[in-house]
Amino acid sequence: TSHAIVGSLGIILEDHKALFGYVLGKKYWGQGNAAEALRHQVDWALGQPAIHRAWAYCDLENPTSARVMEKAGMVREGILRRWHI
């Protein structure tokens, strides 16, 4: 078995919300790993009585990341212009 790091998934809990961020090594792209990991974390977060919203954001130029979020059960709500540079 390999002990290589595939990527990382983080969660910030604040005021009844859970913000997610993730990164995945290029070697592991396209295998469903990010969506699967994110799905488990989103399900966990929304299963907590104190959490009412699970969210994340990505660059408009990275539609693959948006697709990962959709596969994890998230819904695209809009575009945050000039949100993050």
C-alpha atoms as a PDB file:
ATOM      1  CA  THR A   1       0.000   0.000   0.000  1.00  0.00           C
ATOM      2  CA  SER A   2       1.051   3.563  -0.644  1.00  0.00           C
ATOM      3  CA  HIS A   3       1.098   6.280   1.969  1.00  0.00           C
ATOM      4  CA  ALA A   4       1.188   9.103  -0.563  1.00  0.00           C
ATOM      5  CA  ILE A   5      -0.835  12.227   0.135  1.00  0.00           C
ATOM      6  CA  VAL A   6      -3.584  12.511  -2.465  1.00  0.00           C
ATOM      7  CA  GLY A   7      -4.847  15.940  -1.457  1.00  0.00           C
ATOM      8  CA  SER A   8      -6.434  17.921   1.308  1.00  0.00           C
ATOM      9  CA  LEU A   9      -9.927  18.962   2.307  1.00  0.00           C
ATOM     10  CA  GLY A  10     -10.592  21.653   4.880  1.00  0.00           C
ATOM     11  CA  ILE A  11     -13.648  22.966   6.675  1.00  0.00           C
ATOM     12  CA  ILE A  12     -14.183  26.268   8.473  1.00  0.00           C
ATOM     13  CA  LEU A  13     -17.145  26.340  10.835  1.00  0.00           C
ATOM     14  CA  GLU A  14     -18.614  29.777  11.535  1.00  0.00           C
ATOM     15  CA  ASP A  15     -22.062  31.013  12.575  1.00  0.00           C
ATOM     16  CA  HIS A  16     -24.162  28.024  11.492  1.00  0.00           C
ATOM     17  CA  LYS A  17     -22.190  27.687   8.237  1.00  0.00           C
ATOM     18  CA  ALA A  18     -19.529  25.295   6.964  1.00  0.00           C
ATOM     19  CA  LEU A  19     -17.111  26.580   4.316  1.00  0.00           C
ATOM     20  CA  PHE A  20     -15.183  23.929   2.384  1.00  0.00           C
ATOM     21  CA  GLY A  21     -11.933  24.081   0.484  1.00  0.00           C
ATOM     22  CA  TYR A  22     -10.018  21.319  -1.229  1.00  0.00           C
ATOM     23  CA  VAL A  23      -6.944  20.615  -3.295  1.00  0.00           C
ATOM     24  CA  LEU A  24      -5.986  17.441  -5.116  1.00  0.00           C
ATOM     25  CA  GLY A  25      -2.699  16.348  -6.653  1.00  0.00           C
ATOM     26  CA  LYS A  26      -2.863  16.469 -10.444  1.00  0.00           C
ATOM     27  CA  LYS A  27      -2.022  12.769 -10.637  1.00  0.00           C
ATOM     28  CA  TYR A  28      -5.383  12.055  -8.931  1.00  0.00           C
ATOM     29  CA  TRP A  29      -7.614  14.355 -11.006  1.00  0.00           C
ATOM     30  CA  GLY A  30     -10.589  12.831 -12.798  1.00  0.00           C
ATOM     31  CA  GLN A  31     -10.977   9.835 -10.479  1.00  0.00           C
ATOM     32  CA  GLY A  32     -13.849  11.143  -8.345  1.00  0.00           C
ATOM     33  CA  ASN A  33     -11.716  11.435  -5.204  1.00  0.00           C
ATOM     34  CA  ALA A  34     -12.451  15.108  -4.490  1.00  0.00           C
ATOM     35  CA  ALA A  35     -16.194  14.770  -5.042  1.00  0.00           C
ATOM     36  CA  GLU A  36     -16.377  11.679  -2.840  1.00  0.00           C
ATOM     37  CA  ALA A  37     -14.431  13.264   0.006  1.00  0.00           C
ATOM     38  CA  LEU A  38     -16.374  16.518  -0.251  1.00  0.00           C
ATOM     39  CA  ARG A  39     -19.698  14.654  -0.328  1.00  0.00           C
ATOM     40  CA  HIS A  40     -18.882  12.903   2.962  1.00  0.00           C
ATOM     41  CA  GLN A  41     -17.919  16.183   4.603  1.00  0.00           C
ATOM     42  CA  VAL A  42     -20.987  18.064   3.307  1.00  0.00           C
ATOM     43  CA  ASP A  43     -23.261  15.254   4.506  1.00  0.00           C
ATOM     44  CA  TRP A  44     -21.578  15.314   7.919  1.00  0.00           C
ATOM     45  CA  ALA A  45     -21.848  19.099   8.204  1.00  0.00           C
ATOM     46  CA  LEU A  46     -25.516  19.236   7.238  1.00  0.00           C
ATOM     47  CA  GLY A  47     -26.218  16.433   9.698  1.00  0.00           C
ATOM     48  CA  GLN A  48     -25.147  18.694  12.558  1.00  0.00           C
ATOM     49  CA  PRO A  49     -28.107  20.509  14.149  1.00  0.00           C
ATOM     50  CA  ALA A  50     -26.139  23.775  14.472  1.00  0.00           C
ATOM     51  CA  ILE A  51     -25.091  23.923  10.792  1.00  0.00           C
ATOM     52  CA  HIS A  52     -27.619  25.353   8.352  1.00  0.00           C
ATOM     53  CA  ARG A  53     -25.452  25.954   5.283  1.00  0.00           C
ATOM     54  CA  ALA A  54     -22.572  24.158   3.571  1.00  0.00           C
ATOM     55  CA  TRP A  55     -20.794  26.202   0.917  1.00  0.00           C
ATOM     56  CA  ALA A  56     -17.686  26.656  -1.184  1.00  0.00           C
ATOM     57  CA  TYR A  57     -16.556  28.770  -4.101  1.00  0.00           C
ATOM     58  CA  CYS A  58     -14.230  28.395  -7.048  1.00  0.00           C
ATOM     59  CA  ASP A  59     -12.836  30.473  -9.863  1.00  0.00           C
ATOM     60  CA  LEU A  60     -15.084  30.897 -12.907  1.00  0.00           C
ATOM     61  CA  GLU A  61     -12.186  29.675 -15.017  1.00  0.00           C
ATOM     62  CA  ASN A  62     -12.207  26.342 -13.160  1.00  0.00           C
ATOM     63  CA  PRO A  63     -15.490  24.649 -14.160  1.00  0.00           C
ATOM     64  CA  THR A  64     -14.085  21.265 -13.136  1.00  0.00           C
ATOM     65  CA  SER A  65     -13.997  22.414  -9.523  1.00  0.00           C
ATOM     66  CA  ALA A  66     -17.584  23.635  -9.816  1.00  0.00           C
ATOM     67  CA  ARG A  67     -18.509  20.174 -11.106  1.00  0.00           C
ATOM     68  CA  VAL A  68     -16.832  18.552  -8.080  1.00  0.00           C
ATOM     69  CA  MET A  69     -19.101  20.625  -5.832  1.00  0.00           C
ATOM     70  CA  GLU A  70     -22.180  19.660  -7.850  1.00  0.00           C
ATOM     71  CA  LYS A  71     -21.268  15.960  -7.625  1.00  0.00           C
ATOM     72  CA  ALA A  72     -20.976  16.443  -3.857  1.00  0.00           C
ATOM     73  CA  GLY A  73     -24.584  17.641  -3.734  1.00  0.00           C
ATOM     74  CA  MET A  74     -24.002  21.373  -3.763  1.00  0.00           C
ATOM     75  CA  VAL A  75     -26.029  23.687  -5.987  1.00  0.00           C
ATOM     76  CA  ARG A  76     -24.610  26.603  -7.945  1.00  0.00           C
ATOM     77  CA  GLU A  77     -26.319  29.752  -6.704  1.00  0.00           C
ATOM     78  CA  GLY A  78     -24.549  32.579  -8.454  1.00  0.00           C
ATOM     79  CA  ILE A  79     -21.401  34.412  -9.400  1.00  0.00           C
ATOM     80  CA  LEU A  80     -19.472  36.411  -6.818  1.00  0.00           C
ATOM     81  CA  ARG A  81     -17.800  39.089  -8.886  1.00  0.00           C
ATOM     82  CA  ARG A  82     -14.564  40.428  -7.459  1.00  0.00           C
ATOM     83  CA  TRP A  83     -14.995  38.130  -4.445  1.00  0.00           C
ATOM     84  CA  HIS A  84     -11.482  36.726  -4.292  1.00  0.00           C
ATOM     85  CA  ILE A  85      -8.314  37.657  -6.144  1.00  0.00           C
END
